[in-house]
Amino acid sequence: MNSKTKKLKNNDKNSDVSTDESNIQKFFAGKTVFLTGSTGFLGQCIVEKLLRGCPDLNKLYMLVRPKRGMSVSERLKKFFNLEIFDLLREN
């Protein structure tokens, strides 16, 4: 874990996060999302944000294909072990 992540976690401002639903949370509540390109940089950010920030999301489907000699299941395992998902794994 890098220092930016530690600073973010220990930031007192984050402890006062509003419990009101944002417009994004309201929009995605009960929705099903199909995402292509999810293993790319922006896809990783979107997947993490949806999983962390939209607890009422119904389902998230990701289109992932085998690549560079790795099967889909191997790619997904590697994908969800990325540092960006550390906060999700802690909770």
PDB file of N, CA and C in Angstrom:
ATOM      1  N   MET A   1       0.852  -1.167   0.000  1.00  0.00           N
ATOM      2  CA  MET A   1       0.000   0.000   0.000  1.00  0.00           C
ATOM      3  C   MET A   1       0.898   1.231   0.000  1.00  0.00           C
ATOM      4  N   ASN A   2       0.629   2.169  -0.897  1.00  0.00           N
ATOM      5  CA  ASN A   2       1.485   3.341  -0.988  1.00  0.00           C
ATOM      6  C   ASN A   2       1.041   4.426  -0.012  1.00  0.00           C
ATOM      7  N   SER A   3       1.852   5.473   0.098  1.00  0.00           N
ATOM      8  CA  SER A   3       1.584   6.527   1.077  1.00  0.00           C
ATOM      9  C   SER A   3       0.321   7.313   0.746  1.00  0.00           C
ATOM     10  N   LYS A   4      -0.013   7.445  -0.542  1.00  0.00           N
ATOM     11  CA  LYS A   4      -1.231   8.170  -0.908  1.00  0.00           C
ATOM     12  C   LYS A   4      -2.461   7.437  -0.390  1.00  0.00           C
ATOM     13  N   THR A   5      -2.451   6.122  -0.485  1.00  0.00           N
ATOM     14  CA  THR A   5      -3.583   5.337  -0.003  1.00  0.00           C
ATOM     15  C   THR A   5      -3.686   5.442   1.507  1.00  0.00           C
ATOM     16  N   LYS A   6      -2.554   5.345   2.199  1.00  0.00           N
ATOM     17  CA  LYS A   6      -2.563   5.452   3.656  1.00  0.00           C
ATOM     18  C   LYS A   6      -3.080   6.820   4.083  1.00  0.00           C
ATOM     19  N   LYS A   7      -2.622   7.876   3.400  1.00  0.00           N
ATOM     20  CA  LYS A   7      -3.055   9.225   3.733  1.00  0.00           C
ATOM     21  C   LYS A   7      -4.562   9.351   3.531  1.00  0.00           C
ATOM     22  N   LEU A   8      -5.073   8.781   2.474  1.00  0.00           N
ATOM     23  CA  LEU A   8      -6.499   8.836   2.193  1.00  0.00           C
ATOM     24  C   LEU A   8      -7.296   8.135   3.279  1.00  0.00           C
ATOM     25  N   LYS A   9      -6.810   6.983   3.726  1.00  0.00           N
ATOM     26  CA  LYS A   9      -7.517   6.229   4.757  1.00  0.00           C
ATOM     27  C   LYS A   9      -7.501   6.956   6.097  1.00  0.00           C
ATOM     28  N   ASN A  10      -6.399   7.633   6.414  1.00  0.00           N
ATOM     29  CA  ASN A  10      -6.254   8.277   7.712  1.00  0.00           C
ATOM     30  C   ASN A  10      -6.754   9.716   7.714  1.00  0.00           C
ATOM     31  N   ASN A  11      -7.258  10.192   6.597  1.00  0.00           N
ATOM     32  CA  ASN A  11      -7.732  11.559   6.481  1.00  0.00           C
ATOM     33  C   ASN A  11      -9.012  11.727   7.299  1.00  0.00           C
ATOM     34  N   ASP A  12      -9.014  12.686   8.224  1.00  0.00           N
ATOM     35  CA  ASP A  12     -10.178  12.900   9.090  1.00  0.00           C
ATOM     36  C   ASP A  12     -11.416  13.311   8.309  1.00  0.00           C
ATOM     37  N   LYS A  13     -11.238  13.966   7.172  1.00  0.00           N
ATOM     38  CA  LYS A  13     -12.376  14.395   6.370  1.00  0.00           C
ATOM     39  C   LYS A  13     -13.191  13.199   5.893  1.00  0.00           C
ATOM     40  N   ASN A  14     -12.537  12.070   5.661  1.00  0.00           N
ATOM     41  CA  ASN A  14     -13.243  10.889   5.176  1.00  0.00           C
ATOM     42  C   ASN A  14     -14.123  10.270   6.250  1.00  0.00           C
ATOM     43  N   SER A  15     -13.843  10.543   7.509  1.00  0.00           N
ATOM     44  CA  SER A  15     -14.659   9.963   8.572  1.00  0.00           C
ATOM     45  C   SER A  15     -16.012  10.659   8.681  1.00  0.00           C
ATOM     46  N   ASP A  16     -16.140  11.851   8.095  1.00  0.00           N
ATOM     47  CA  ASP A  16     -17.391  12.601   8.133  1.00  0.00           C
ATOM     48  C   ASP A  16     -18.144  12.510   6.812  1.00  0.00           C
ATOM     49  N   VAL A  17     -18.054  11.383   6.146  1.00  0.00           N
ATOM     50  CA  VAL A  17     -18.716  11.207   4.863  1.00  0.00           C
ATOM     51  C   VAL A  17     -20.218  11.203   5.082  1.00  0.00           C
ATOM     52  N   SER A  18     -20.922  11.917   4.233  1.00  0.00           N
ATOM     53  CA  SER A  18     -22.375  12.001   4.340  1.00  0.00           C
ATOM     54  C   SER A  18     -23.011  10.646   4.062  1.00  0.00           C
ATOM     55  N   THR A  19     -24.067  10.344   4.797  1.00  0.00           N
ATOM     56  CA  THR A  19     -24.766   9.078   4.586  1.00  0.00           C
ATOM     57  C   THR A  19     -25.883   9.227   3.561  1.00  0.00           C
ATOM     58  N   ASP A  20     -26.113  10.448   3.065  1.00  0.00           N
ATOM     59  CA  ASP A  20     -27.122  10.661   2.031  1.00  0.00           C
ATOM     60  C   ASP A  20     -26.671  10.012   0.735  1.00  0.00           C
ATOM     61  N   GLU A  21     -27.641   9.473  -0.015  1.00  0.00           N
ATOM     62  CA  GLU A  21     -27.314   8.861  -1.298  1.00  0.00           C
ATOM     63  C   GLU A  21     -27.007   9.949  -2.319  1.00  0.00           C
ATOM     64  N   SER A  22     -25.976   9.720  -3.117  1.00  0.00           N
ATOM     65  CA  SER A  22     -25.648  10.646  -4.188  1.00  0.00           C
ATOM     66  C   SER A  22     -26.564  10.371  -5.376  1.00  0.00           C
ATOM     67  N   ASN A  23     -26.542  11.275  -6.335  1.00  0.00           N
ATOM     68  CA  ASN A  23     -27.327  11.067  -7.556  1.00  0.00           C
ATOM     69  C   ASN A  23     -26.872   9.816  -8.290  1.00  0.00           C
ATOM     70  N   ILE A  24     -25.575   9.534  -8.245  1.00  0.00           N
ATOM     71  CA  ILE A  24     -25.039   8.340  -8.907  1.00  0.00           C
ATOM     72  C   ILE A  24     -25.564   7.086  -8.217  1.00  0.00           C
ATOM     73  N   GLN A  25     -25.552   7.071  -6.893  1.00  0.00           N
ATOM     74  CA  GLN A  25     -26.078   5.914  -6.158  1.00  0.00           C
ATOM     75  C   GLN A  25     -27.558   5.715  -6.445  1.00  0.00           C
ATOM     76  N   LYS A  26     -28.305   6.796  -6.492  1.00  0.00           N
ATOM     77  CA  LYS A  26     -29.734   6.701  -6.797  1.00  0.00           C
ATOM     78  C   LYS A  26     -29.955   6.170  -8.210  1.00  0.00           C
ATOM     79  N   PHE A  27     -29.136   6.636  -9.157  1.00  0.00           N
ATOM     80  CA  PHE A  27     -29.291   6.200 -10.543  1.00  0.00           C
ATOM     81  C   PHE A  27     -29.038   4.703 -10.688  1.00  0.00           C
ATOM     82  N   PHE A  28     -27.980   4.200 -10.050  1.00  0.00           N
ATOM     83  CA  PHE A  28     -27.603   2.796 -10.213  1.00  0.00           C
ATOM     84  C   PHE A  28     -28.351   1.844  -9.271  1.00  0.00           C
ATOM     85  N   ALA A  29     -29.122   2.351  -8.335  1.00  0.00           N
ATOM     86  CA  ALA A  29     -29.863   1.492  -7.404  1.00  0.00           C
ATOM     87  C   ALA A  29     -30.815   0.585  -8.177  1.00  0.00           C
ATOM     88  N   GLY A  30     -30.658  -0.721  -7.970  1.00  0.00           N
ATOM     89  CA  GLY A  30     -31.518  -1.704  -8.619  1.00  0.00           C
ATOM     90  C   GLY A  30     -31.200  -1.964 -10.077  1.00  0.00           C
ATOM     91  N   LYS A  31     -30.176  -1.320 -10.622  1.00  0.00           N
ATOM     92  CA  LYS A  31     -29.834  -1.462 -12.038  1.00  0.00           C
ATOM     93  C   LYS A  31     -28.870  -2.624 -12.249  1.00  0.00           C
ATOM     94  N   THR A  32     -28.862  -3.127 -13.475  1.00  0.00           N
ATOM     95  CA  THR A  32     -27.905  -4.124 -13.924  1.00  0.00           C
ATOM     96  C   THR A  32     -27.004  -3.441 -14.944  1.00  0.00           C
ATOM     97  N   VAL A  33     -25.687  -3.588 -14.794  1.00  0.00           N
ATOM     98  CA  VAL A  33     -24.715  -2.922 -15.659  1.00  0.00           C
ATOM     99  C   VAL A  33     -23.907  -3.970 -16.408  1.00  0.00           C
ATOM    100  N   PHE A  34     -23.734  -3.766 -17.716  1.00  0.00           N
ATOM    101  CA  PHE A  34     -22.873  -4.609 -18.542  1.00  0.00           C
ATOM    102  C   PHE A  34     -21.697  -3.749 -18.969  1.00  0.00           C
ATOM    103  N   LEU A  35     -20.481  -4.174 -18.628  1.00  0.00           N
ATOM    104  CA  LEU A  35     -19.294  -3.358 -18.854  1.00  0.00           C
ATOM    105  C   LEU A  35     -18.291  -4.098 -19.726  1.00  0.00           C
ATOM    106  N   THR A  36     -17.887  -3.460 -20.819  1.00  0.00           N
ATOM    107  CA  THR A  36     -16.803  -3.997 -21.635  1.00  0.00           C
ATOM    108  C   THR A  36     -15.555  -3.176 -21.331  1.00  0.00           C
ATOM    109  N   GLY A  37     -14.394  -3.752 -21.566  1.00  0.00           N
ATOM    110  CA  GLY A  37     -13.154  -3.035 -21.289  1.00  0.00           C
ATOM    111  C   GLY A  37     -12.863  -2.908 -19.809  1.00  0.00           C
ATOM    112  N   SER A  38     -13.442  -3.773 -19.020  1.00  0.00           N
ATOM    113  CA  SER A  38     -13.331  -3.644 -17.566  1.00  0.00           C
ATOM    114  C   SER A  38     -11.948  -3.954 -17.019  1.00  0.00           C
ATOM    115  N   THR A  39     -11.103  -4.647 -17.769  1.00  0.00           N
ATOM    116  CA  THR A  39      -9.769  -4.964 -17.263  1.00  0.00           C
ATOM    117  C   THR A  39      -8.747  -3.883 -17.601  1.00  0.00           C
ATOM    118  N   GLY A  40      -9.142  -2.896 -18.392  1.00  0.00           N
ATOM    119  CA  GLY A  40      -8.272  -1.763 -18.684  1.00  0.00           C
ATOM    120  C   GLY A  40      -8.247  -0.795 -17.516  1.00  0.00           C
ATOM    121  N   PHE A  41      -7.437   0.243 -17.640  1.00  0.00           N
ATOM    122  CA  PHE A  41      -7.272   1.194 -16.535  1.00  0.00           C
ATOM    123  C   PHE A  41      -8.592   1.842 -16.130  1.00  0.00           C
ATOM    124  N   LEU A  42      -9.297   2.426 -17.087  1.00  0.00           N
ATOM    125  CA  LEU A  42     -10.565   3.081 -16.751  1.00  0.00           C
ATOM    126  C   LEU A  42     -11.604   2.077 -16.287  1.00  0.00           C
ATOM    127  N   GLY A  43     -11.603   0.902 -16.889  1.00  0.00           N
ATOM    128  CA  GLY A  43     -12.529  -0.146 -16.476  1.00  0.00           C
ATOM    129  C   GLY A  43     -12.322  -0.539 -15.028  1.00  0.00           C
ATOM    130  N   GLN A  44     -11.061  -0.654 -14.610  1.00  0.00           N
ATOM    131  CA  GLN A  44     -10.752  -0.983 -13.213  1.00  0.00           C
ATOM    132  C   GLN A  44     -11.330   0.074 -12.281  1.00  0.00           C
ATOM    133  N   CYS A  45     -11.161   1.338 -12.657  1.00  0.00           N
ATOM    134  CA  CYS A  45     -11.674   2.437 -11.831  1.00  0.00           C
ATOM    135  C   CYS A  45     -13.195   2.391 -11.744  1.00  0.00           C
ATOM    136  N   ILE A  46     -13.850   2.130 -12.864  1.00  0.00           N
ATOM    137  CA  ILE A  46     -15.316   2.088 -12.882  1.00  0.00           C
ATOM    138  C   ILE A  46     -15.835   0.914 -12.063  1.00  0.00           C
ATOM    139  N   VAL A  47     -15.234  -0.255 -12.235  1.00  0.00           N
ATOM    140  CA  VAL A  47     -15.668  -1.442 -11.484  1.00  0.00           C
ATOM    141  C   VAL A  47     -15.510  -1.198  -9.990  1.00  0.00           C
ATOM    142  N   GLU A  48     -14.365  -0.682  -9.579  1.00  0.00           N
ATOM    143  CA  GLU A  48     -14.120  -0.434  -8.153  1.00  0.00           C
ATOM    144  C   GLU A  48     -15.112   0.584  -7.608  1.00  0.00           C
ATOM    145  N   LYS A  49     -15.334   1.652  -8.348  1.00  0.00           N
ATOM    146  CA  LYS A  49     -16.257   2.701  -7.897  1.00  0.00           C
ATOM    147  C   LYS A  49     -17.682   2.168  -7.787  1.00  0.00           C
ATOM    148  N   LEU A  50     -18.120   1.385  -8.759  1.00  0.00           N
ATOM    149  CA  LEU A  50     -19.473   0.824  -8.705  1.00  0.00           C
ATOM    150  C   LEU A  50     -19.630  -0.136  -7.531  1.00  0.00           C
ATOM    151  N   LEU A  51     -18.650  -1.000  -7.325  1.00  0.00           N
ATOM    152  CA  LEU A  51     -18.748  -1.979  -6.241  1.00  0.00           C
ATOM    153  C   LEU A  51     -18.668  -1.323  -4.867  1.00  0.00           C
ATOM    154  N   ARG A  52     -17.839  -0.297  -4.752  1.00  0.00           N
ATOM    155  CA  ARG A  52     -17.656   0.367  -3.463  1.00  0.00           C
ATOM    156  C   ARG A  52     -18.730   1.411  -3.198  1.00  0.00           C
ATOM    157  N   GLY A  53     -19.100   2.169  -4.217  1.00  0.00           N
ATOM    158  CA  GLY A  53     -19.969   3.314  -4.011  1.00  0.00           C
ATOM    159  C   GLY A  53     -21.440   3.106  -4.280  1.00  0.00           C
ATOM    160  N   CYS A  54     -21.799   1.995  -4.879  1.00  0.00           N
ATOM    161  CA  CYS A  54     -23.203   1.753  -5.225  1.00  0.00           C
ATOM    162  C   CYS A  54     -23.658   0.420  -4.640  1.00  0.00           C
ATOM    163  N   PRO A  55     -23.913   0.388  -3.335  1.00  0.00           N
ATOM    164  CA  PRO A  55     -24.261  -0.877  -2.686  1.00  0.00           C
ATOM    165  C   PRO A  55     -25.581  -1.479  -3.163  1.00  0.00           C
ATOM    166  N   ASP A  56     -26.457  -0.660  -3.742  1.00  0.00           N
ATOM    167  CA  ASP A  56     -27.746  -1.165  -4.207  1.00  0.00           C
ATOM    168  C   ASP A  56     -27.735  -1.568  -5.677  1.00  0.00           C
ATOM    169  N   LEU A  57     -26.553  -1.619  -6.290  1.00  0.00           N
ATOM    170  CA  LEU A  57     -26.429  -2.088  -7.673  1.00  0.00           C
ATOM    171  C   LEU A  57     -26.906  -3.534  -7.728  1.00  0.00           C
ATOM    172  N   ASN A  58     -27.801  -3.842  -8.655  1.00  0.00           N
ATOM    173  CA  ASN A  58     -28.366  -5.187  -8.736  1.00  0.00           C
ATOM    174  C   ASN A  58     -27.310  -6.193  -9.184  1.00  0.00           C
ATOM    175  N   LYS A  59     -26.745  -5.988 -10.376  1.00  0.00           N
ATOM    176  CA  LYS A  59     -25.723  -6.896 -10.904  1.00  0.00           C
ATOM    177  C   LYS A  59     -24.735  -6.118 -11.751  1.00  0.00           C
ATOM    178  N   LEU A  60     -23.512  -6.631 -11.792  1.00  0.00           N
ATOM    179  CA  LEU A  60     -22.474  -6.069 -12.649  1.00  0.00           C
ATOM    180  C   LEU A  60     -21.928  -7.200 -13.498  1.00  0.00           C
ATOM    181  N   TYR A  61     -22.163  -7.121 -14.796  1.00  0.00           N
ATOM    182  CA  TYR A  61     -21.628  -8.101 -15.735  1.00  0.00           C
ATOM    183  C   TYR A  61     -20.408  -7.494 -16.407  1.00  0.00           C
ATOM    184  N   MET A  62     -19.345  -8.292 -16.518  1.00  0.00           N
ATOM    185  CA  MET A  62     -18.118  -7.841 -17.161  1.00  0.00           C
ATOM    186  C   MET A  62     -17.787  -8.774 -18.320  1.00  0.00           C
ATOM    187  N   LEU A  63     -17.551  -8.191 -19.488  1.00  0.00           N
ATOM    188  CA  LEU A  63     -17.116  -8.975 -20.635  1.00  0.00           C
ATOM    189  C   LEU A  63     -15.593  -9.078 -20.573  1.00  0.00           C
ATOM    190  N   VAL A  64     -15.100 -10.279 -20.351  1.00  0.00           N
ATOM    191  CA  VAL A  64     -13.657 -10.520 -20.257  1.00  0.00           C
ATOM    192  C   VAL A  64     -13.327 -11.677 -21.180  1.00  0.00           C
ATOM    193  N   ARG A  65     -12.313 -11.498 -22.003  1.00  0.00           N
ATOM    194  CA  ARG A  65     -11.926 -12.566 -22.925  1.00  0.00           C
ATOM    195  C   ARG A  65     -10.542 -13.081 -22.563  1.00  0.00           C
ATOM    196  N   PRO A  66     -10.229 -14.308 -22.993  1.00  0.00           N
ATOM    197  CA  PRO A  66      -8.871 -14.815 -22.749  1.00  0.00           C
ATOM    198  C   PRO A  66      -7.864 -13.966 -23.517  1.00  0.00           C
ATOM    199  N   LYS A  67      -6.697 -13.779 -22.937  1.00  0.00           N
ATOM    200  CA  LYS A  67      -5.695 -12.925 -23.571  1.00  0.00           C
ATOM    201  C   LYS A  67      -4.304 -13.315 -23.092  1.00  0.00           C
ATOM    202  N   ARG A  68      -3.356 -13.274 -23.991  1.00  0.00           N
ATOM    203  CA  ARG A  68      -1.942 -13.550 -23.681  1.00  0.00           C
ATOM    204  C   ARG A  68      -1.749 -14.870 -22.956  1.00  0.00           C
ATOM    205  N   GLY A  69      -2.462 -15.892 -23.408  1.00  0.00           N
ATOM    206  CA  GLY A  69      -2.297 -17.216 -22.825  1.00  0.00           C
ATOM    207  C   GLY A  69      -2.953 -17.393 -21.470  1.00  0.00           C
ATOM    208  N   MET A  70      -3.741 -16.424 -21.039  1.00  0.00           N
ATOM    209  CA  MET A  70      -4.436 -16.521 -19.752  1.00  0.00           C
ATOM    210  C   MET A  70      -5.920 -16.759 -20.007  1.00  0.00           C
ATOM    211  N   SER A  71      -6.496 -17.676 -19.243  1.00  0.00           N
ATOM    212  CA  SER A  71      -7.928 -17.932 -19.365  1.00  0.00           C
ATOM    213  C   SER A  71      -8.706 -16.789 -18.709  1.00  0.00           C
ATOM    214  N   VAL A  72     -10.001 -16.764 -18.950  1.00  0.00           N
ATOM    215  CA  VAL A  72     -10.853 -15.737 -18.357  1.00  0.00           C
ATOM    216  C   VAL A  72     -10.800 -15.807 -16.831  1.00  0.00           C
ATOM    217  N   SER A  73     -10.870 -17.009 -16.284  1.00  0.00           N
ATOM    218  CA  SER A  73     -10.846 -17.138 -14.817  1.00  0.00           C
ATOM    219  C   SER A  73      -9.514 -16.667 -14.236  1.00  0.00           C
ATOM    220  N   GLU A  74      -8.409 -16.944 -14.931  1.00  0.00           N
ATOM    221  CA  GLU A  74      -7.096 -16.468 -14.466  1.00  0.00           C
ATOM    222  C   GLU A  74      -7.028 -14.944 -14.503  1.00  0.00           C
ATOM    223  N   ARG A  75      -7.575 -14.359 -15.578  1.00  0.00           N
ATOM    224  CA  ARG A  75      -7.568 -12.899 -15.696  1.00  0.00           C
ATOM    225  C   ARG A  75      -8.425 -12.251 -14.615  1.00  0.00           C
ATOM    226  N   LEU A  76      -9.576 -12.847 -14.314  1.00  0.00           N
ATOM    227  CA  LEU A  76     -10.442 -12.288 -13.272  1.00  0.00           C
ATOM    228  C   LEU A  76      -9.793 -12.388 -11.898  1.00  0.00           C
ATOM    229  N   LYS A  77      -9.134 -13.513 -11.639  1.00  0.00           N
ATOM    230  CA  LYS A  77      -8.444 -13.676 -10.353  1.00  0.00           C
ATOM    231  C   LYS A  77      -7.352 -12.616 -10.206  1.00  0.00           C
ATOM    232  N   LYS A  78      -6.572 -12.415 -11.266  1.00  0.00           N
ATOM    233  CA  LYS A  78      -5.520 -11.400 -11.256  1.00  0.00           C
ATOM    234  C   LYS A  78      -6.132  -9.999 -11.131  1.00  0.00           C
ATOM    235  N   PHE A  79      -7.233  -9.772 -11.829  1.00  0.00           N
ATOM    236  CA  PHE A  79      -7.920  -8.478 -11.822  1.00  0.00           C
ATOM    237  C   PHE A  79      -8.363  -8.089 -10.413  1.00  0.00           C
ATOM    238  N   PHE A  80      -9.039  -8.986  -9.712  1.00  0.00           N
ATOM    239  CA  PHE A  80      -9.563  -8.652  -8.392  1.00  0.00           C
ATOM    240  C   PHE A  80      -8.498  -8.687  -7.298  1.00  0.00           C
ATOM    241  N   ASN A  81      -7.278  -9.086  -7.633  1.00  0.00           N
ATOM    242  CA  ASN A  81      -6.166  -9.005  -6.684  1.00  0.00           C
ATOM    243  C   ASN A  81      -5.356  -7.720  -6.857  1.00  0.00           C
ATOM    244  N   LEU A  82      -5.784  -6.831  -7.750  1.00  0.00           N
ATOM    245  CA  LEU A  82      -5.093  -5.564  -7.947  1.00  0.00           C
ATOM    246  C   LEU A  82      -5.237  -4.687  -6.705  1.00  0.00           C
ATOM    247  N   GLU A  83      -4.280  -3.788  -6.520  1.00  0.00           N
ATOM    248  CA  GLU A  83      -4.255  -2.906  -5.345  1.00  0.00           C
ATOM    249  C   GLU A  83      -5.502  -2.027  -5.247  1.00  0.00           C
ATOM    250  N   ILE A  84      -6.080  -1.675  -6.375  1.00  0.00           N
ATOM    251  CA  ILE A  84      -7.255  -0.801  -6.368  1.00  0.00           C
ATOM    252  C   ILE A  84      -8.427  -1.408  -5.599  1.00  0.00           C
ATOM    253  N   PHE A  85      -8.456  -2.737  -5.467  1.00  0.00           N
ATOM    254  CA  PHE A  85      -9.555  -3.413  -4.782  1.00  0.00           C
ATOM    255  C   PHE A  85      -9.244  -3.718  -3.309  1.00  0.00           C
ATOM    256  N   ASP A  86      -8.134  -3.193  -2.779  1.00  0.00           N
ATOM    257  CA  ASP A  86      -7.762  -3.447  -1.381  1.00  0.00           C
ATOM    258  C   ASP A  86      -8.843  -3.001  -0.398  1.00  0.00           C
ATOM    259  N   LEU A  87      -9.408  -1.818  -0.602  1.00  0.00           N
ATOM    260  CA  LEU A  87     -10.449  -1.323   0.313  1.00  0.00           C
ATOM    261  C   LEU A  87     -11.676  -2.227   0.298  1.00  0.00           C
ATOM    262  N   LEU A  88     -12.031  -2.738  -0.859  1.00  0.00           N
ATOM    263  CA  LEU A  88     -13.181  -3.644  -0.947  1.00  0.00           C
ATOM    264  C   LEU A  88     -12.907  -4.953  -0.220  1.00  0.00           C
ATOM    265  N   ARG A  89     -11.687  -5.455  -0.347  1.00  0.00           N
ATOM    266  CA  ARG A  89     -11.344  -6.714   0.318  1.00  0.00           C
ATOM    267  C   ARG A  89     -11.323  -6.545   1.836  1.00  0.00           C
ATOM    268  N   GLU A  90     -10.949  -5.365   2.332  1.00  0.00           N
ATOM    269  CA  GLU A  90     -10.916  -5.118   3.777  1.00  0.00           C
ATOM    270  C   GLU A  90     -12.315  -5.110   4.375  1.00  0.00           C
ATOM    271  N   ASN A  91     -13.275  -4.658   3.599  1.00  0.00           N
ATOM    272  CA  ASN A  91     -14.655  -4.582   4.095  1.00  0.00           C
ATOM    273  C   ASN A  91     -15.311  -5.863   3.770  1.00  0.00           C
TER     274      ASN A  91
END
